[in-house]
Amino acid sequence: MAVVAIKIKIMPESLDVSLEELQKKAEEKASKMGAMNISFTEENVAFGLKALVIQLAYPEEKDTNALETELSEMEGVSSSQIIDYRRAFG
């Protein structure tokens, strides 16, 4: 079974969205879908707005579109986009 390393950028709807709360929700959703080794970083976008970048290991045979869609449908999220996808090992 191969594993892929994925980075997904999650854009909050506004400056008022708590990135800490967003991180908790994203970690819960991703782990329920089979993600492992989940970590987060913040990325400056513009005018004080920060994006949340989630890095995770994910089974290659699972649908990454479903993961991306689940994250983008969270409350307070404007969009989510896979920004890096690499085969890790397998």
C-alpha atoms as a PDB file:
ATOM      1  CA  MET A   1       0.000   0.000   0.000  1.00  0.00           C
ATOM      2  CA  ALA A   2       1.512   3.315  -1.078  1.00  0.00           C
ATOM      3  CA  VAL A   3       1.252   6.514   0.911  1.00  0.00           C
ATOM      4  CA  VAL A   4       1.241  10.044  -0.477  1.00  0.00           C
ATOM      5  CA  ALA A   5       2.373  13.243   1.213  1.00  0.00           C
ATOM      6  CA  ILE A   6      -0.127  16.030   0.650  1.00  0.00           C
ATOM      7  CA  LYS A   7      -0.229  19.745   1.469  1.00  0.00           C
ATOM      8  CA  ILE A   8      -3.601  21.459   1.394  1.00  0.00           C
ATOM      9  CA  LYS A   9      -4.077  25.223   1.726  1.00  0.00           C
ATOM     10  CA  ILE A  10      -7.230  26.142   3.643  1.00  0.00           C
ATOM     11  CA  MET A  11      -8.395  29.739   3.182  1.00  0.00           C
ATOM     12  CA  PRO A  12     -10.584  31.183   5.954  1.00  0.00           C
ATOM     13  CA  GLU A  13     -13.613  33.293   5.024  1.00  0.00           C
ATOM     14  CA  SER A  14     -12.336  36.332   6.931  1.00  0.00           C
ATOM     15  CA  LEU A  15      -9.897  37.632   9.515  1.00  0.00           C
ATOM     16  CA  ASP A  16     -12.471  36.832  12.203  1.00  0.00           C
ATOM     17  CA  VAL A  17     -12.165  33.052  11.720  1.00  0.00           C
ATOM     18  CA  SER A  18     -10.094  31.419  14.467  1.00  0.00           C
ATOM     19  CA  LEU A  19      -7.271  29.452  12.851  1.00  0.00           C
ATOM     20  CA  GLU A  20      -6.919  27.456  16.060  1.00  0.00           C
ATOM     21  CA  GLU A  21     -10.544  26.255  15.861  1.00  0.00           C
ATOM     22  CA  LEU A  22     -10.183  25.648  12.126  1.00  0.00           C
ATOM     23  CA  GLN A  23      -7.098  23.536  12.797  1.00  0.00           C
ATOM     24  CA  LYS A  24      -8.934  21.373  15.352  1.00  0.00           C
ATOM     25  CA  LYS A  25     -11.844  20.746  12.971  1.00  0.00           C
ATOM     26  CA  ALA A  26      -9.553  20.034  10.011  1.00  0.00           C
ATOM     27  CA  GLU A  27      -7.451  17.575  12.002  1.00  0.00           C
ATOM     28  CA  GLU A  28     -10.573  15.735  13.156  1.00  0.00           C
ATOM     29  CA  LYS A  29     -12.025  15.486   9.632  1.00  0.00           C
ATOM     30  CA  ALA A  30      -8.744  14.460   8.016  1.00  0.00           C
ATOM     31  CA  SER A  31      -7.990  11.764  10.569  1.00  0.00           C
ATOM     32  CA  LYS A  32     -11.502  10.317  10.191  1.00  0.00           C
ATOM     33  CA  MET A  33     -10.831  10.008   6.457  1.00  0.00           C
ATOM     34  CA  GLY A  34      -7.586   8.077   7.001  1.00  0.00           C
ATOM     35  CA  ALA A  35      -4.943  10.816   7.176  1.00  0.00           C
ATOM     36  CA  MET A  36      -1.872  10.250   9.339  1.00  0.00           C
ATOM     37  CA  ASN A  37       1.029  12.397  10.620  1.00  0.00           C
ATOM     38  CA  ILE A  38      -1.018  15.593  10.413  1.00  0.00           C
ATOM     39  CA  SER A  39       0.726  18.928  10.974  1.00  0.00           C
ATOM     40  CA  PHE A  40      -0.147  22.561  10.345  1.00  0.00           C
ATOM     41  CA  THR A  41       1.574  25.803   9.419  1.00  0.00           C
ATOM     42  CA  GLU A  42       0.221  29.292   8.838  1.00  0.00           C
ATOM     43  CA  GLU A  43       0.931  31.200   5.656  1.00  0.00           C
ATOM     44  CA  ASN A  44       0.548  34.967   5.301  1.00  0.00           C
ATOM     45  CA  VAL A  45      -1.742  35.864   2.418  1.00  0.00           C
ATOM     46  CA  ALA A  46      -2.442  39.616   2.474  1.00  0.00           C
ATOM     47  CA  PHE A  47      -3.663  42.424   4.742  1.00  0.00           C
ATOM     48  CA  GLY A  48      -3.367  40.289   7.879  1.00  0.00           C
ATOM     49  CA  LEU A  49      -5.207  37.299   6.417  1.00  0.00           C
ATOM     50  CA  LYS A  50      -3.486  33.975   7.032  1.00  0.00           C
ATOM     51  CA  ALA A  51      -4.113  30.626   5.376  1.00  0.00           C
ATOM     52  CA  LEU A  52      -3.796  27.322   7.191  1.00  0.00           C
ATOM     53  CA  VAL A  53      -1.604  24.746   5.436  1.00  0.00           C
ATOM     54  CA  ILE A  54      -2.232  21.155   6.478  1.00  0.00           C
ATOM     55  CA  GLN A  55       0.461  18.552   5.755  1.00  0.00           C
ATOM     56  CA  LEU A  56      -0.452  14.891   6.006  1.00  0.00           C
ATOM     57  CA  ALA A  57       0.203  11.345   4.881  1.00  0.00           C
ATOM     58  CA  TYR A  58      -2.734   9.749   3.046  1.00  0.00           C
ATOM     59  CA  PRO A  59      -3.340   6.311   1.524  1.00  0.00           C
ATOM     60  CA  GLU A  60      -2.775   6.569  -2.238  1.00  0.00           C
ATOM     61  CA  GLU A  61      -5.812   4.467  -3.130  1.00  0.00           C
ATOM     62  CA  LYS A  62      -8.203   6.861  -1.324  1.00  0.00           C
ATOM     63  CA  ASP A  63      -9.869   9.760  -3.129  1.00  0.00           C
ATOM     64  CA  THR A  64      -8.071  13.036  -2.391  1.00  0.00           C
ATOM     65  CA  ASN A  65     -10.924  15.040  -3.946  1.00  0.00           C
ATOM     66  CA  ALA A  66     -13.221  13.831  -1.170  1.00  0.00           C
ATOM     67  CA  LEU A  67     -10.708  15.029   1.444  1.00  0.00           C
ATOM     68  CA  GLU A  68     -10.341  18.407  -0.249  1.00  0.00           C
ATOM     69  CA  THR A  69     -14.140  18.774  -0.480  1.00  0.00           C
ATOM     70  CA  GLU A  70     -14.650  17.839   3.192  1.00  0.00           C
ATOM     71  CA  LEU A  71     -12.162  20.497   4.269  1.00  0.00           C
ATOM     72  CA  SER A  72     -13.665  23.189   2.016  1.00  0.00           C
ATOM     73  CA  GLU A  73     -17.169  22.546   3.395  1.00  0.00           C
ATOM     74  CA  MET A  74     -16.176  23.304   6.988  1.00  0.00           C
ATOM     75  CA  GLU A  75     -17.751  26.336   8.618  1.00  0.00           C
ATOM     76  CA  GLY A  76     -15.539  29.408   8.246  1.00  0.00           C
ATOM     77  CA  VAL A  77     -13.657  28.080   5.208  1.00  0.00           C
ATOM     78  CA  SER A  78     -13.684  29.967   1.920  1.00  0.00           C
ATOM     79  CA  SER A  79     -11.786  27.298  -0.047  1.00  0.00           C
ATOM     80  CA  SER A  80      -9.285  24.480   0.155  1.00  0.00           C
ATOM     81  CA  GLN A  81      -6.793  23.450  -2.499  1.00  0.00           C
ATOM     82  CA  ILE A  82      -4.166  20.737  -2.784  1.00  0.00           C
ATOM     83  CA  ILE A  83      -0.888  22.579  -3.329  1.00  0.00           C
ATOM     84  CA  ASP A  84       1.521  19.624  -3.201  1.00  0.00           C
ATOM     85  CA  TYR A  85       1.069  15.890  -3.843  1.00  0.00           C
ATOM     86  CA  ARG A  86       3.980  13.452  -3.696  1.00  0.00           C
ATOM     87  CA  ARG A  87       4.291   9.727  -3.423  1.00  0.00           C
ATOM     88  CA  ALA A  88       6.011   9.154  -0.099  1.00  0.00           C
ATOM     89  CA  PHE A  89       6.732   5.401  -0.148  1.00  0.00           C
ATOM     90  CA  GLY A  90       5.158   2.125  -1.049  1.00  0.00           C
END
